[in-house]
Amino acid sequence: MTTTFDKLGLSANIIQALKEIGYKSPFPIQQTAIPFLLKGLDVVGQAHTGTGKTAAFSLPILNKIKNKGTIQALILVPTRELAMQVTNEINKFAKYTGIKTLAIYGGQSINLQFDRLRRGVEILVATPGRLIDHIKRGSINLEQVRFVVLDEADRMLDMGFIKDIKFILFYVSEDRQTCLFSATMPPEILRLAEEYMRNYEEIRLNKEEISLETINQSYLIIKENEKFKHMCEFIEKRDNDQQTIIFVSTKQRTHRILHELKDSGYKAVTIHGDLSQRQRDDAIYRFRKGKENILVATDIVSRGIDVPAVGHIINYDIPEDPLVYFHRIGRTARAGATGTAISLVSAERVEDFTRILRKTELPIRRLNEELGIEVPISQKRRYNGYNSQYRSNYGNHRYDRREGFNRRSRYGSNRFYDSSNRYNQNSNFKRHTYNDDRQKSYDSHYTNKEHRHERHNNGVKREYSSSR
């Protein structure tokens, strides 16, 4: 089995940079993907955050492209934070190659980006919207691109970028090598791979990663109004004043908790989607440098930034989607380190956390008994007889692992019960409304459902159709 980067076929310049960074041996995703990419094959990789995906696709690219001032590799990412993170990582690997990488994203001065592009870059890391702006202005030419990476592809689809991606890929030569990385593999991702990739190699490492053996996971069931008090107690018990990320459900709650933490004497900063780019950059900088050691954040951080020093994750609010939970706690125990993840479960969110318990392969410790804290009265009967974190039986109530609670009413009829259904309906309504508005915007901008774009290439017009 390959155990060092030297044996993967990378150039001496890249190996030298890796040694200086402290990279000694490749992680599983790197060890598997790099040989395929060096051979020129397309790759679809499924792996969670913190497993070395950036090095897995960027090292082969650096090994194959030339320092000649034209864009030869395009990496599409869903957020500006991820664009900056990927660019910083690639710059470390490219230290001795002379290859330049540029991140372009909304919120940054487009004139600054014009200036950097005129000076020449070989690797472009971009969010879809800003890249399309440059394509329309003629400030970016993708004719020489031979490597395309779709990073966090599932999140880009969730954010409604599928048409943007197809629009961008039209301007890239079909004689290219394509790499797609995603934390999950919904059918839409596989359809995208079938349409735009050729005989791709599929790498799936989630089974190994979802066990999260290096993270000490635990949870505490308490009343909503007791969360802040217990959170502060956990913060006080951190080893060596470790950096901590506190995940909450809404932007409004980030500000409330931030002010309460500061009033309690803690050094904290917040980040969420409504902040300007300058505010986000400042918050991340202060957290990375240790000026504040607590970051209160929405899920924009769960797959957006990389802070290797984080040793402590607190889920102040429980996510409805179990995969979001794993993305969150994946912010700790990065690159083989150890970490701690504690979830504060209000009585109303026990069912959401039960879905998380069923998804993990390792036990998550319940702290109520260890700390001598009683489960809120409304949950006592539900947790009596709780068996191996998978089943809850009480009276005639039976928890069905696949469907939720099948509850028999006093009239004798079965009724499906899901306390989060109301929120799911609301979120779906908002999502559909957003997507409908986005669709209308596209239809009006591109004229018809089958829209056409024309451009000149040595005097020859090319046409783009959404059905391509």
Protein backbone atom coordinates (compact mmCIF):
# COMPACT_ATOMS: atom_id res chain seq x y z
CA MET A 1 0.00 0.00 0.00
CA THR A 2 1.29 3.47 -0.86
CA THR A 3 2.31 5.28 2.33
CA THR A 4 4.16 8.42 1.16
CA PHE A 5 3.60 11.22 -1.33
CA ASP A 6 6.93 10.38 -2.98
CA LYS A 7 5.46 7.15 -4.32
CA LEU A 8 2.43 8.81 -5.93
CA GLY A 9 4.40 10.24 -8.87
CA LEU A 10 4.33 13.92 -7.87
CA SER A 11 7.13 16.30 -8.92
CA ALA A 12 10.07 17.17 -6.67
CA ASN A 13 8.89 20.79 -6.31
CA ILE A 14 5.53 19.66 -4.93
CA ILE A 15 7.11 17.07 -2.62
CA GLN A 16 9.42 19.76 -1.21
CA ALA A 17 6.46 22.03 -0.41
CA LEU A 18 4.53 19.17 1.19
CA LYS A 19 7.47 18.33 3.45
CA GLU A 20 7.75 21.95 4.59
CA ILE A 21 4.02 22.04 5.37
CA GLY A 22 4.38 18.83 7.37
CA TYR A 23 2.48 16.47 5.09
CA LYS A 24 4.11 13.08 5.64
CA SER A 25 1.68 10.54 4.22
CA PRO A 26 -1.49 10.82 2.11
CA PHE A 27 -4.96 10.45 3.56
CA PRO A 28 -7.26 7.80 2.00
CA ILE A 29 -8.98 10.18 -0.45
CA GLN A 30 -5.58 11.48 -1.61
CA GLN A 31 -4.02 8.05 -1.87
CA THR A 32 -6.93 6.83 -4.00
CA ALA A 33 -7.69 9.87 -6.18
CA ILE A 34 -4.22 11.20 -7.03
CA PRO A 35 -3.08 8.19 -9.13
CA PHE A 36 -6.32 8.27 -11.16
CA LEU A 37 -6.00 12.00 -11.82
CA LEU A 38 -2.34 11.73 -12.76
CA LYS A 39 -3.38 9.13 -15.35
CA GLY A 40 -5.83 11.61 -16.87
CA LEU A 41 -9.02 9.90 -15.67
CA ASP A 42 -12.18 11.64 -14.51
CA VAL A 43 -13.00 11.12 -10.82
CA VAL A 44 -16.17 11.30 -8.72
CA GLY A 45 -15.25 11.34 -5.04
CA GLN A 46 -17.53 11.17 -2.02
CA ALA A 47 -15.87 12.24 1.22
CA HIS A 48 -16.74 14.44 4.17
CA THR A 49 -15.05 17.69 5.15
CA GLY A 50 -11.62 17.58 6.76
CA THR A 51 -10.38 14.55 4.82
CA GLY A 52 -7.91 16.24 2.47
CA LYS A 53 -10.04 16.66 -0.67
CA THR A 54 -8.31 19.91 -1.69
CA ALA A 55 -4.92 18.21 -1.87
CA ALA A 56 -6.49 15.21 -3.62
CA PHE A 57 -7.47 17.28 -6.67
CA SER A 58 -4.99 20.18 -6.56
CA LEU A 59 -1.73 18.21 -6.32
CA PRO A 60 -2.31 16.35 -9.64
CA ILE A 61 -3.33 19.63 -11.28
CA LEU A 62 -0.15 21.37 -10.10
CA ASN A 63 1.83 18.39 -11.35
CA LYS A 64 0.37 18.60 -14.89
CA ILE A 65 -0.14 22.27 -15.77
CA LYS A 66 2.52 24.75 -16.96
CA ASN A 67 3.55 28.17 -15.66
CA LYS A 68 2.53 30.18 -18.73
CA GLY A 69 0.02 32.79 -17.51
CA THR A 70 -3.15 31.30 -19.01
CA ILE A 71 -6.01 29.69 -17.10
CA GLN A 72 -5.56 25.93 -17.37
CA ALA A 73 -7.58 24.70 -14.37
CA LEU A 74 -10.99 25.80 -13.07
CA ILE A 75 -12.26 24.93 -9.59
CA LEU A 76 -15.93 25.79 -8.92
CA VAL A 77 -17.01 26.18 -5.28
CA PRO A 78 -20.33 27.23 -3.69
CA THR A 79 -19.15 29.99 -1.31
CA ARG A 80 -16.60 32.78 -1.09
CA GLU A 81 -15.21 31.29 2.14
CA LEU A 82 -14.48 28.00 0.43
CA ALA A 83 -12.96 29.83 -2.55
CA MET A 84 -10.49 31.59 -0.27
CA GLN A 85 -9.74 28.42 1.69
CA VAL A 86 -9.02 26.35 -1.44
CA THR A 87 -6.86 29.12 -2.92
CA ASN A 88 -4.78 29.42 0.24
CA GLU A 89 -4.19 25.67 0.32
CA ILE A 90 -3.16 25.49 -3.33
CA ASN A 91 -0.74 28.41 -2.88
CA LYS A 92 1.02 26.43 -0.15
CA PHE A 93 1.38 23.39 -2.40
CA ALA A 94 2.52 25.54 -5.36
CA LYS A 95 5.28 27.35 -3.47
CA TYR A 96 8.12 26.08 -5.70
CA THR A 97 6.21 25.70 -8.98
CA GLY A 98 5.68 29.35 -9.94
CA ILE A 99 2.01 28.56 -10.63
CA LYS A 100 -0.43 31.31 -9.60
CA THR A 101 -3.94 30.75 -8.25
CA LEU A 102 -6.70 33.37 -8.07
CA ALA A 103 -10.00 33.28 -6.18
CA ILE A 104 -12.88 35.25 -7.67
CA TYR A 105 -16.19 35.64 -5.88
CA GLY A 106 -18.99 38.12 -5.32
CA GLY A 107 -18.48 40.78 -2.69
CA GLN A 108 -14.93 41.54 -3.80
CA SER A 109 -14.08 44.44 -6.12
CA ILE A 110 -14.37 43.23 -9.70
CA ASN A 111 -11.76 45.83 -10.76
CA LEU A 112 -9.27 44.19 -8.40
CA GLN A 113 -10.05 40.88 -10.08
CA PHE A 114 -9.57 42.46 -13.53
CA ASP A 115 -6.09 43.58 -12.48
CA ARG A 116 -5.08 40.15 -11.20
CA LEU A 117 -6.41 38.45 -14.32
CA ARG A 118 -4.42 40.76 -16.59
CA ARG A 119 -1.23 39.73 -14.80
CA GLY A 120 -1.96 36.09 -15.62
CA VAL A 121 -3.03 33.07 -13.54
CA GLU A 122 -2.95 29.34 -14.15
CA ILE A 123 -5.58 28.13 -11.66
CA LEU A 124 -8.92 29.86 -11.14
CA VAL A 125 -11.05 29.16 -8.04
CA ALA A 126 -14.49 30.72 -8.51
CA THR A 127 -18.05 30.90 -7.32
CA PRO A 128 -20.46 30.40 -10.25
CA GLY A 129 -22.19 33.79 -10.19
CA ARG A 130 -19.06 35.94 -10.29
CA LEU A 131 -17.44 33.70 -12.90
CA ILE A 132 -20.46 34.16 -15.20
CA ASP A 133 -20.11 37.93 -14.77
CA HIS A 134 -16.53 37.71 -16.03
CA ILE A 135 -17.47 35.41 -18.92
CA LYS A 136 -20.13 37.88 -20.11
CA ARG A 137 -17.72 40.80 -19.80
CA GLY A 138 -15.07 38.91 -21.77
CA SER A 139 -12.52 39.28 -18.96
CA ILE A 140 -12.09 35.51 -18.57
CA ASN A 141 -11.35 33.07 -21.38
CA LEU A 142 -11.74 29.38 -20.59
CA GLU A 143 -10.48 28.07 -23.93
CA GLN A 144 -7.23 26.73 -22.44
CA VAL A 145 -8.84 25.05 -19.42
CA ARG A 146 -8.06 21.34 -19.36
CA PHE A 147 -8.96 20.57 -15.73
CA VAL A 148 -12.35 21.25 -14.10
CA VAL A 149 -13.17 20.52 -10.46
CA LEU A 150 -16.65 20.78 -8.92
CA ASP A 151 -16.00 21.01 -5.18
CA GLU A 152 -18.87 20.55 -2.70
CA ALA A 153 -21.07 19.69 -5.67
CA ASP A 154 -24.08 18.70 -3.56
CA ARG A 155 -24.10 22.06 -1.87
CA MET A 156 -23.90 23.88 -5.20
CA LEU A 157 -26.96 21.98 -6.36
CA ASP A 158 -28.77 22.77 -3.10
CA MET A 159 -28.05 26.46 -3.68
CA GLY A 160 -29.58 26.33 -7.16
CA PHE A 161 -26.37 26.56 -9.19
CA ILE A 162 -27.09 23.70 -11.61
CA LYS A 163 -27.89 25.99 -14.57
CA ASP A 164 -24.89 28.16 -13.77
CA ILE A 165 -22.63 25.11 -13.81
CA LYS A 166 -23.98 23.95 -17.17
CA PHE A 167 -23.60 27.46 -18.59
CA ILE A 168 -19.95 27.60 -17.45
CA LEU A 169 -19.07 24.11 -18.70
CA PHE A 170 -20.29 25.07 -22.17
CA TYR A 171 -17.39 27.52 -22.42
CA VAL A 172 -14.82 24.88 -21.45
CA SER A 173 -13.37 22.52 -24.04
CA GLU A 174 -14.89 19.05 -24.03
CA ASP A 175 -11.33 17.75 -24.20
CA ARG A 176 -10.89 18.21 -20.47
CA GLN A 177 -10.41 16.20 -17.30
CA THR A 178 -13.27 16.60 -14.83
CA CYS A 179 -13.26 15.93 -11.11
CA LEU A 180 -16.33 16.08 -8.86
CA PHE A 181 -16.22 15.95 -5.06
CA SER A 182 -19.30 15.82 -2.88
CA ALA A 183 -20.09 14.96 0.73
CA THR A 184 -23.29 13.21 -0.37
CA MET A 185 -24.31 11.52 -3.60
CA PRO A 186 -27.93 12.39 -4.43
CA PRO A 187 -29.26 11.29 -7.84
CA GLU A 188 -28.77 14.81 -9.25
CA ILE A 189 -25.01 14.55 -8.68
CA LEU A 190 -24.79 11.23 -10.49
CA ARG A 191 -26.85 12.60 -13.40
CA LEU A 192 -24.47 15.55 -13.64
CA ALA A 193 -21.52 13.15 -13.69
CA GLU A 194 -23.09 11.02 -16.41
CA GLU A 195 -23.74 14.09 -18.57
CA TYR A 196 -20.36 15.81 -18.26
CA MET A 197 -17.82 13.12 -17.35
CA ARG A 198 -16.28 10.27 -19.33
CA ASN A 199 -15.77 6.79 -17.88
CA TYR A 200 -15.14 8.23 -14.46
CA GLU A 201 -13.66 6.41 -11.49
CA GLU A 202 -15.89 6.49 -8.41
CA ILE A 203 -14.37 6.82 -4.93
CA ARG A 204 -16.61 6.51 -1.88
CA LEU A 205 -15.08 6.87 1.57
CA ASN A 206 -18.10 7.92 3.63
CA LYS A 207 -18.49 4.56 5.28
CA GLU A 208 -15.12 4.99 6.94
CA GLU A 209 -15.51 8.67 7.71
CA ILE A 210 -18.98 8.65 9.24
CA SER A 211 -17.72 6.67 12.25
CA LEU A 212 -15.76 9.76 13.37
CA GLU A 213 -13.61 7.72 15.72
CA THR A 214 -11.37 10.64 16.72
CA ILE A 215 -14.30 12.78 17.94
CA ASN A 216 -15.65 12.39 21.46
CA GLN A 217 -19.40 12.85 20.88
CA SER A 218 -21.94 13.44 23.63
CA TYR A 219 -25.32 15.08 24.17
CA LEU A 220 -27.42 16.51 26.98
CA ILE A 221 -31.23 16.68 27.02
CA ILE A 222 -32.35 19.85 28.78
CA LYS A 223 -34.97 22.58 28.65
CA GLU A 224 -34.48 25.31 26.07
CA ASN A 225 -34.01 28.02 28.68
CA GLU A 226 -31.20 26.03 30.35
CA LYS A 227 -29.01 25.73 27.25
CA PHE A 228 -26.88 28.83 27.74
CA LYS A 229 -25.99 27.96 31.33
CA HIS A 230 -24.83 24.44 30.43
CA MET A 231 -23.02 25.67 27.32
CA CYS A 232 -20.93 28.03 29.48
CA GLU A 233 -20.12 25.15 31.85
CA PHE A 234 -18.84 23.08 28.92
CA ILE A 235 -16.77 26.01 27.64
CA GLU A 236 -15.15 26.37 31.07
CA LYS A 237 -14.08 22.71 30.99
CA ARG A 238 -12.20 23.00 27.67
CA ASP A 239 -8.63 21.72 27.60
CA ASN A 240 -6.06 24.51 27.31
CA ASP A 241 -8.71 27.07 26.40
CA GLN A 242 -9.38 25.34 23.06
CA GLN A 243 -10.99 27.22 20.21
CA THR A 244 -14.70 26.50 20.02
CA ILE A 245 -17.37 26.76 17.33
CA ILE A 246 -20.97 27.09 18.52
CA PHE A 247 -23.54 26.20 15.85
CA VAL A 248 -26.98 27.77 16.00
CA SER A 249 -29.98 27.60 13.70
CA THR A 250 -30.59 31.25 12.76
CA LYS A 251 -28.71 34.49 12.15
CA GLN A 252 -30.74 36.24 14.86
CA ARG A 253 -29.69 33.68 17.46
CA THR A 254 -26.01 34.14 16.61
CA HIS A 255 -26.21 37.78 17.67
CA ARG A 256 -28.17 37.05 20.84
CA ILE A 257 -25.78 34.33 21.99
CA LEU A 258 -22.76 36.43 21.00
CA HIS A 259 -23.90 39.32 23.21
CA GLU A 260 -24.68 36.97 26.10
CA LEU A 261 -21.22 35.39 25.82
CA LYS A 262 -19.50 38.78 25.79
CA ASP A 263 -21.59 39.91 28.77
CA SER A 264 -20.34 36.78 30.55
CA GLY A 265 -16.72 37.71 29.87
CA TYR A 266 -15.93 35.43 26.92
CA LYS A 267 -14.00 36.44 23.79
CA ALA A 268 -16.32 35.61 20.92
CA VAL A 269 -17.11 36.57 17.34
CA THR A 270 -19.91 35.61 14.95
CA ILE A 271 -20.30 34.77 11.29
CA HIS A 272 -23.43 34.25 9.19
CA GLY A 273 -24.79 34.87 5.71
CA ASP A 274 -25.92 38.49 6.23
CA LEU A 275 -22.44 39.82 7.02
CA SER A 276 -20.47 41.69 4.36
CA GLN A 277 -17.37 40.08 2.93
CA ARG A 278 -15.15 42.43 4.95
CA GLN A 279 -16.99 41.51 8.17
CA ARG A 280 -16.66 37.79 7.41
CA ASP A 281 -12.96 38.11 6.61
CA ASP A 282 -12.35 40.05 9.82
CA ALA A 283 -14.26 37.53 11.93
CA ILE A 284 -12.42 34.54 10.46
CA TYR A 285 -9.06 36.32 10.79
CA ARG A 286 -9.64 37.16 14.47
CA PHE A 287 -10.76 33.60 15.20
CA ARG A 288 -7.84 32.00 13.37
CA LYS A 289 -5.34 34.24 15.15
CA GLY A 290 -6.85 33.45 18.53
CA LYS A 291 -7.93 37.01 19.29
CA GLU A 292 -11.34 35.49 19.97
CA ASN A 293 -11.48 31.79 20.78
CA ILE A 294 -15.23 31.27 20.34
CA LEU A 295 -17.02 31.46 17.00
CA VAL A 296 -20.83 31.57 17.02
CA ALA A 297 -22.02 30.58 13.56
CA THR A 298 -24.80 29.30 11.36
CA ASP A 299 -24.21 26.34 9.05
CA ILE A 300 -22.36 28.56 6.58
CA VAL A 301 -19.27 27.54 8.58
CA SER A 302 -19.95 23.80 8.65
CA ARG A 303 -18.56 23.47 5.11
CA GLY A 304 -17.09 26.87 4.42
CA ILE A 305 -13.92 27.58 6.38
CA ASP A 306 -10.96 25.65 7.67
CA VAL A 307 -9.68 26.36 11.19
CA PRO A 308 -7.32 23.48 12.08
CA ALA A 309 -6.95 24.51 15.73
CA VAL A 310 -10.62 23.93 16.61
CA GLY A 311 -10.92 21.29 19.30
CA HIS A 312 -14.45 21.87 20.52
CA ILE A 313 -17.85 21.90 18.74
CA ILE A 314 -21.09 22.77 20.52
CA ASN A 315 -24.40 22.20 18.75
CA TYR A 316 -26.53 24.81 20.51
CA ASP A 317 -29.38 23.99 18.12
CA ILE A 318 -29.92 20.53 16.63
CA PRO A 319 -30.19 20.39 12.81
CA GLU A 320 -33.10 18.59 11.21
CA ASP A 321 -30.84 16.89 8.64
CA PRO A 322 -28.43 14.35 10.19
CA LEU A 323 -25.83 15.04 7.49
CA VAL A 324 -25.61 18.66 8.66
CA TYR A 325 -24.68 17.34 12.10
CA PHE A 326 -21.75 15.40 10.64
CA HIS A 327 -20.60 18.38 8.61
CA ARG A 328 -20.66 20.49 11.75
CA ILE A 329 -18.65 18.19 13.96
CA GLY A 330 -16.29 17.60 11.04
CA ARG A 331 -14.91 21.08 11.80
CA THR A 332 -13.01 19.46 14.70
CA ALA A 333 -10.60 16.52 14.62
CA ARG A 334 -9.24 17.79 11.31
CA ALA A 335 -6.52 15.85 9.52
CA GLY A 336 -6.35 13.04 12.06
CA ALA A 337 -6.44 15.16 15.23
CA THR A 338 -8.87 14.57 18.10
CA GLY A 339 -11.81 16.73 19.10
CA THR A 340 -14.96 17.03 21.19
CA ALA A 341 -18.55 17.56 20.02
CA ILE A 342 -21.37 18.27 22.48
CA SER A 343 -25.02 18.67 21.49
CA LEU A 344 -27.57 20.52 23.62
CA VAL A 345 -30.89 18.84 22.87
CA SER A 346 -34.05 20.64 23.91
CA ALA A 347 -37.06 18.48 24.74
CA GLU A 348 -38.73 19.62 21.51
CA ARG A 349 -35.81 18.45 19.33
CA VAL A 350 -35.30 14.96 20.74
CA GLU A 351 -36.81 13.36 17.64
CA ASP A 352 -34.41 15.25 15.36
CA PHE A 353 -31.48 14.05 17.43
CA THR A 354 -32.81 10.49 17.41
CA ARG A 355 -32.37 10.49 13.63
CA ILE A 356 -28.74 11.50 14.14
CA LEU A 357 -28.21 8.70 16.66
CA ARG A 358 -29.41 6.16 14.11
CA LYS A 359 -26.97 7.44 11.46
CA THR A 360 -23.73 7.11 13.42
CA GLU A 361 -21.84 3.88 13.88
CA LEU A 362 -20.30 4.88 17.21
CA PRO A 363 -22.25 5.52 20.42
CA ILE A 364 -22.91 9.13 21.39
CA ARG A 365 -22.80 9.44 25.17
CA ARG A 366 -25.84 10.82 26.96
CA LEU A 367 -24.59 13.08 29.72
CA ASN A 368 -27.76 13.37 31.81
CA GLU A 369 -26.88 10.46 34.06
CA GLU A 370 -23.17 11.38 34.30
CA LEU A 371 -23.95 14.96 35.33
CA GLY A 372 -26.97 14.11 37.47
CA ILE A 373 -29.32 16.16 35.29
CA GLU A 374 -32.84 14.81 34.90
CA VAL A 375 -34.37 14.49 31.46
CA PRO A 376 -37.24 17.02 31.17
CA ILE A 377 -40.48 15.45 32.37
CA SER A 378 -42.08 15.43 28.91
CA GLN A 379 -39.27 13.19 27.68
CA LYS A 380 -38.93 10.77 30.60
CA ARG A 381 -41.42 8.20 29.38
CA ARG A 382 -40.06 8.43 25.87
CA TYR A 383 -36.56 7.56 27.04
CA ASN A 384 -37.56 4.78 29.43
CA GLY A 385 -36.72 1.55 27.65
CA TYR A 386 -34.60 3.38 25.05
CA ASN A 387 -32.64 0.53 23.45
CA SER A 388 -29.20 1.01 21.88
CA GLN A 389 -30.09 4.51 20.66
CA TYR A 390 -32.25 3.04 17.88
CA ARG A 391 -35.67 2.44 19.43
CA SER A 392 -38.06 4.11 21.84
CA ASN A 393 -40.98 2.09 23.25
CA TYR A 394 -43.55 3.33 25.73
CA GLY A 395 -47.08 1.99 26.13
CA ASN A 396 -48.69 1.61 22.72
CA HIS A 397 -46.22 4.05 21.15
CA ARG A 398 -43.58 2.48 18.96
CA TYR A 399 -40.78 4.29 17.16
CA ASP A 400 -40.45 3.16 13.57
CA ARG A 401 -36.86 3.65 12.31
CA ARG A 402 -37.97 4.34 8.77
CA GLU A 403 -41.03 6.51 9.15
CA GLY A 404 -41.11 8.29 12.50
CA PHE A 405 -43.83 7.84 15.13
CA ASN A 406 -46.84 5.73 14.16
CA ARG A 407 -49.23 6.76 16.84
CA ARG A 408 -52.70 5.26 17.41
CA SER A 409 -55.23 7.93 18.23
CA ARG A 410 -58.06 7.49 20.72
CA TYR A 411 -60.39 6.91 17.76
CA GLY A 412 -58.37 3.88 16.69
CA SER A 413 -56.81 5.31 13.52
CA ASN A 414 -53.08 5.35 12.84
CA ARG A 415 -51.60 8.79 12.45
CA PHE A 416 -48.17 9.70 11.20
CA TYR A 417 -46.50 12.10 13.58
CA ASP A 418 -43.45 14.21 12.88
CA SER A 419 -42.91 17.27 15.05
CA SER A 420 -40.60 18.81 12.44
CA ASN A 421 -43.14 18.47 9.60
CA ARG A 422 -44.38 22.02 10.03
CA TYR A 423 -40.86 23.34 9.65
CA ASN A 424 -40.16 21.07 6.69
CA GLN A 425 -43.26 22.36 4.94
CA ASN A 426 -42.26 25.96 5.56
CA SER A 427 -38.69 25.43 4.42
CA ASN A 428 -39.84 23.59 1.31
CA PHE A 429 -42.23 26.43 0.52
CA LYS A 430 -39.42 28.96 0.81
CA ARG A 431 -37.06 26.82 -1.22
CA HIS A 432 -39.60 26.34 -4.00
CA THR A 433 -40.40 30.03 -4.03
CA TYR A 434 -36.71 30.88 -4.27
CA ASN A 435 -36.15 28.38 -7.05
CA ASP A 436 -39.22 29.62 -8.93
CA ASP A 437 -37.92 33.20 -8.74
CA ARG A 438 -34.51 32.04 -9.89
CA GLN A 439 -36.09 30.16 -12.79
CA LYS A 440 -38.08 33.23 -13.86
CA SER A 441 -34.93 35.32 -13.74
CA TYR A 442 -33.11 32.84 -15.96
CA ASP A 443 -35.98 32.50 -18.40
CA SER A 444 -36.26 36.26 -18.82
CA HIS A 445 -32.50 36.69 -19.13
CA TYR A 446 -31.92 33.91 -21.63
CA THR A 447 -35.21 34.58 -23.54
CA ASN A 448 -36.59 31.04 -23.90
CA LYS A 449 -36.47 27.70 -22.14
CA GLU A 450 -33.96 26.58 -24.72
CA HIS A 451 -31.77 29.64 -24.55
CA ARG A 452 -28.91 30.32 -26.93
CA HIS A 453 -25.62 32.04 -26.44
CA GLU A 454 -23.44 32.98 -29.38
CA ARG A 455 -19.80 33.86 -29.34
CA HIS A 456 -17.07 34.04 -31.95
CA ASN A 457 -14.23 31.56 -31.93
CA ASN A 458 -11.90 32.27 -34.85
CA GLY A 459 -14.90 33.49 -36.79
CA VAL A 460 -17.06 30.44 -35.96
CA LYS A 461 -20.24 30.83 -33.91
CA ARG A 462 -21.07 28.30 -31.22
CA GLU A 463 -24.54 27.83 -29.79
CA TYR A 464 -25.47 26.73 -26.32
CA SER A 465 -28.71 24.97 -25.46
CA SER A 466 -29.91 24.10 -21.95
CA SER A 467 -30.72 20.63 -23.25
CA ARG A 468 -27.03 19.97 -24.05
